[in-house]
Amino acid sequence: MPPDAAPEFSRPVPLGTVPHAGRRIALSATPGECAALAARFGILGLDSLAAEFQLMPEEEGTVRVQGRIAASLTQACIVTLEPVAQTVDEVVAFRLLPPGREPQDGPDDLDEIECPDGVADLGEAVAEQLALVLDPYPRAPGAELPAEATDGSAGAFAALASLRKN
């Protein structure tokens, strides 16, 4: 998403409003938000998108977010372009960072989302998590690539090798 564009699915939550005991939040995208997200992700349709989170304050003003995202969507088959219906039910966890806090970049660290103004957009966080779990190669049942697409001799390297022989 371009930095100056407004998120299609925005649910701002000020970090300072998360009580010491934590907070549960349920989010659900409207049909218009789903249509806008489908266009953004280049998929045929997004029928539903919802999330349930537990927010827990941590040290130094960070907030840990744990929960699930669920979606029902349609992508185009990479072979036939037929619609492929899919469901997403994904456990997610990430950390929200207050102003001035730099993200950690260790392999075992949670994903961290900077909140420079002290407000986290949980809707945009859900959209980003959905983008990460979309099937990059959706395939309709029984769809197979044509033989010429899987024939190794017809590949780019084979074409280069034939030029070298001449």
Protein backbone atom coordinates (compact mmCIF):
# COMPACT_ATOMS: atom_id res chain seq x y z
CA MET A 1 0.00 0.00 0.00
CA PRO A 2 1.43 3.44 -0.87
CA PRO A 3 2.49 5.35 2.26
CA ASP A 4 -0.01 8.17 1.67
CA ALA A 5 -3.00 5.89 0.91
CA ALA A 6 -5.64 5.25 3.56
CA PRO A 7 -5.99 1.58 4.57
CA GLU A 8 -9.00 -0.21 3.15
CA PHE A 9 -9.69 -1.90 6.51
CA SER A 10 -8.79 0.54 9.28
CA ARG A 11 -9.38 -0.16 12.96
CA PRO A 12 -7.19 2.23 14.99
CA VAL A 13 -6.45 1.36 18.62
CA PRO A 14 -4.43 3.74 20.81
CA LEU A 15 -1.77 1.69 22.62
CA GLY A 16 -2.45 3.59 25.84
CA THR A 17 -6.03 2.25 26.00
CA VAL A 18 -4.94 -1.35 26.59
CA PRO A 19 -5.52 -2.00 30.32
CA HIS A 20 -3.01 -3.85 32.49
CA ALA A 21 -5.28 -6.93 32.48
CA GLY A 22 -5.38 -6.93 28.67
CA ARG A 23 -8.15 -6.45 26.17
CA ARG A 24 -10.03 -8.72 23.74
CA ILE A 25 -10.90 -7.29 20.34
CA ALA A 26 -12.97 -8.76 17.52
CA LEU A 27 -12.72 -7.22 14.05
CA SER A 28 -14.79 -7.87 10.94
CA ALA A 29 -14.46 -6.31 7.50
CA THR A 30 -17.52 -4.89 5.76
CA PRO A 31 -18.40 -6.03 2.22
CA GLY A 32 -16.95 -2.78 0.84
CA GLU A 33 -13.71 -3.26 2.77
CA CYS A 34 -13.49 -6.85 1.53
CA ALA A 35 -13.92 -5.70 -2.09
CA ALA A 36 -11.22 -3.04 -1.67
CA LEU A 37 -8.81 -5.57 -0.11
CA ALA A 38 -9.48 -8.07 -2.91
CA ALA A 39 -8.53 -5.40 -5.44
CA ARG A 40 -5.39 -4.53 -3.46
CA PHE A 41 -4.26 -8.17 -3.31
CA GLY A 42 -5.21 -8.95 -6.91
CA ILE A 43 -7.57 -11.78 -6.00
CA LEU A 44 -10.99 -12.51 -7.47
CA GLY A 45 -12.90 -11.97 -4.24
CA LEU A 46 -12.79 -11.73 -0.48
CA ASP A 47 -16.13 -12.85 0.95
CA SER A 48 -15.25 -12.38 4.61
CA LEU A 49 -12.39 -11.33 6.84
CA ALA A 50 -12.46 -11.42 10.62
CA ALA A 51 -10.02 -11.53 13.51
CA GLU A 52 -10.12 -12.10 17.24
CA PHE A 53 -7.21 -10.83 19.31
CA GLN A 54 -6.02 -10.72 22.88
CA LEU A 55 -3.93 -7.60 23.52
CA MET A 56 -1.55 -7.70 26.49
CA PRO A 57 0.63 -4.79 27.58
CA GLU A 58 4.33 -5.58 28.01
CA GLU A 59 7.35 -3.73 29.27
CA GLU A 60 8.39 -0.37 27.84
CA GLY A 61 4.95 0.32 26.35
CA THR A 62 4.84 -2.54 23.85
CA VAL A 63 1.65 -4.54 23.33
CA ARG A 64 1.65 -8.24 22.42
CA VAL A 65 -1.17 -9.31 20.11
CA GLN A 66 -2.21 -12.96 19.81
CA GLY A 67 -5.20 -14.47 18.10
CA ARG A 68 -6.65 -15.78 14.85
CA ILE A 69 -7.59 -14.42 11.48
CA ALA A 70 -10.23 -16.11 9.37
CA ALA A 71 -11.16 -15.39 5.77
CA SER A 72 -13.12 -16.81 2.88
CA LEU A 73 -11.73 -15.84 -0.51
CA THR A 74 -11.43 -16.71 -4.18
CA GLN A 75 -8.26 -16.68 -6.24
CA ALA A 76 -7.64 -17.53 -9.90
CA CYS A 77 -6.07 -20.91 -10.66
CA ILE A 78 -2.53 -20.42 -11.96
CA VAL A 79 -3.13 -23.01 -14.69
CA THR A 80 -6.73 -22.55 -15.87
CA LEU A 81 -7.67 -19.17 -14.36
CA GLU A 82 -10.79 -20.85 -12.93
CA PRO A 83 -11.97 -19.51 -9.56
CA VAL A 84 -10.50 -21.40 -6.60
CA ALA A 85 -12.36 -20.99 -3.31
CA GLN A 86 -10.15 -20.97 -0.23
CA THR A 87 -10.51 -20.52 3.50
CA VAL A 88 -7.96 -19.10 5.89
CA ASP A 89 -7.87 -19.90 9.59
CA GLU A 90 -4.50 -18.76 10.85
CA VAL A 91 -3.03 -18.26 14.32
CA VAL A 92 -1.08 -15.00 14.45
CA ALA A 93 1.08 -13.19 16.98
CA PHE A 94 2.88 -9.88 16.70
CA ARG A 95 4.02 -6.98 18.84
CA LEU A 96 2.98 -3.32 18.62
CA LEU A 97 5.75 -0.83 19.32
CA PRO A 98 5.21 2.59 20.92
CA PRO A 99 6.76 5.77 19.52
CA GLY A 100 10.56 5.74 19.58
CA ARG A 101 10.91 1.99 19.98
CA GLU A 102 12.99 0.28 17.28
CA PRO A 103 12.02 -3.19 16.03
CA GLN A 104 14.12 -6.20 16.97
CA ASP A 105 15.33 -8.25 14.04
CA GLY A 106 16.13 -11.68 15.43
CA PRO A 107 15.04 -14.92 13.77
CA ASP A 108 12.96 -15.93 16.81
CA ASP A 109 11.45 -12.50 17.46
CA LEU A 110 7.78 -11.79 16.84
CA ASP A 111 6.93 -9.57 13.91
CA GLU A 112 6.86 -6.02 15.22
CA ILE A 113 4.72 -3.18 13.97
CA GLU A 114 5.85 0.37 14.63
CA CYS A 115 3.21 2.80 15.87
CA PRO A 116 4.98 6.18 15.58
CA ASP A 117 1.94 8.13 16.78
CA GLY A 118 1.05 5.64 19.54
CA VAL A 119 -1.94 4.30 17.60
CA ALA A 120 -1.97 0.82 16.07
CA ASP A 121 -4.15 0.09 13.06
CA LEU A 122 -5.25 -3.46 13.80
CA GLY A 123 -7.31 -3.62 10.61
CA GLU A 124 -4.23 -2.95 8.51
CA ALA A 125 -2.28 -5.48 10.59
CA VAL A 126 -4.96 -8.09 9.79
CA ALA A 127 -4.78 -7.21 6.08
CA GLU A 128 -0.99 -7.60 6.10
CA GLN A 129 -1.23 -10.95 7.88
CA LEU A 130 -3.77 -12.13 5.30
CA ALA A 131 -1.46 -11.09 2.47
CA LEU A 132 1.29 -13.23 4.01
CA VAL A 133 -0.83 -16.39 4.10
CA LEU A 134 -2.44 -16.16 0.65
CA ASP A 135 -1.63 -19.18 -1.52
CA PRO A 136 0.90 -17.90 -4.07
CA TYR A 137 0.03 -20.72 -6.52
CA PRO A 138 -3.67 -21.55 -6.23
CA ARG A 139 -4.64 -24.52 -8.36
CA ALA A 140 -8.09 -25.84 -9.24
CA PRO A 141 -8.66 -29.54 -8.54
CA GLY A 142 -7.28 -31.60 -11.45
CA ALA A 143 -5.57 -28.64 -13.12
CA GLU A 144 -2.25 -29.64 -14.61
CA LEU A 145 0.32 -27.70 -16.55
CA PRO A 146 0.62 -28.60 -20.23
CA ALA A 147 3.51 -30.96 -21.11
CA GLU A 148 5.47 -28.21 -22.88
CA ALA A 149 5.43 -26.15 -19.68
CA THR A 150 6.98 -28.98 -17.68
CA ASP A 151 9.40 -30.23 -20.38
CA GLY A 152 12.88 -29.30 -19.14
CA SER A 153 14.28 -29.14 -22.66
CA ALA A 154 11.95 -26.27 -23.52
CA GLY A 155 13.16 -24.10 -20.64
CA ALA A 156 15.13 -20.87 -20.82
CA PHE A 157 18.41 -22.58 -19.96
CA ALA A 158 17.89 -25.08 -22.78
CA ALA A 159 17.37 -22.18 -25.18
CA LEU A 160 20.59 -20.55 -23.98
CA ALA A 161 22.45 -23.84 -24.32
CA SER A 162 21.29 -24.18 -27.92
CA LEU A 163 22.71 -20.72 -28.69
CA ARG A 164 26.03 -21.75 -27.26
CA LYS A 165 26.22 -24.78 -29.58
CA ASN A 166 25.90 -22.57 -32.65
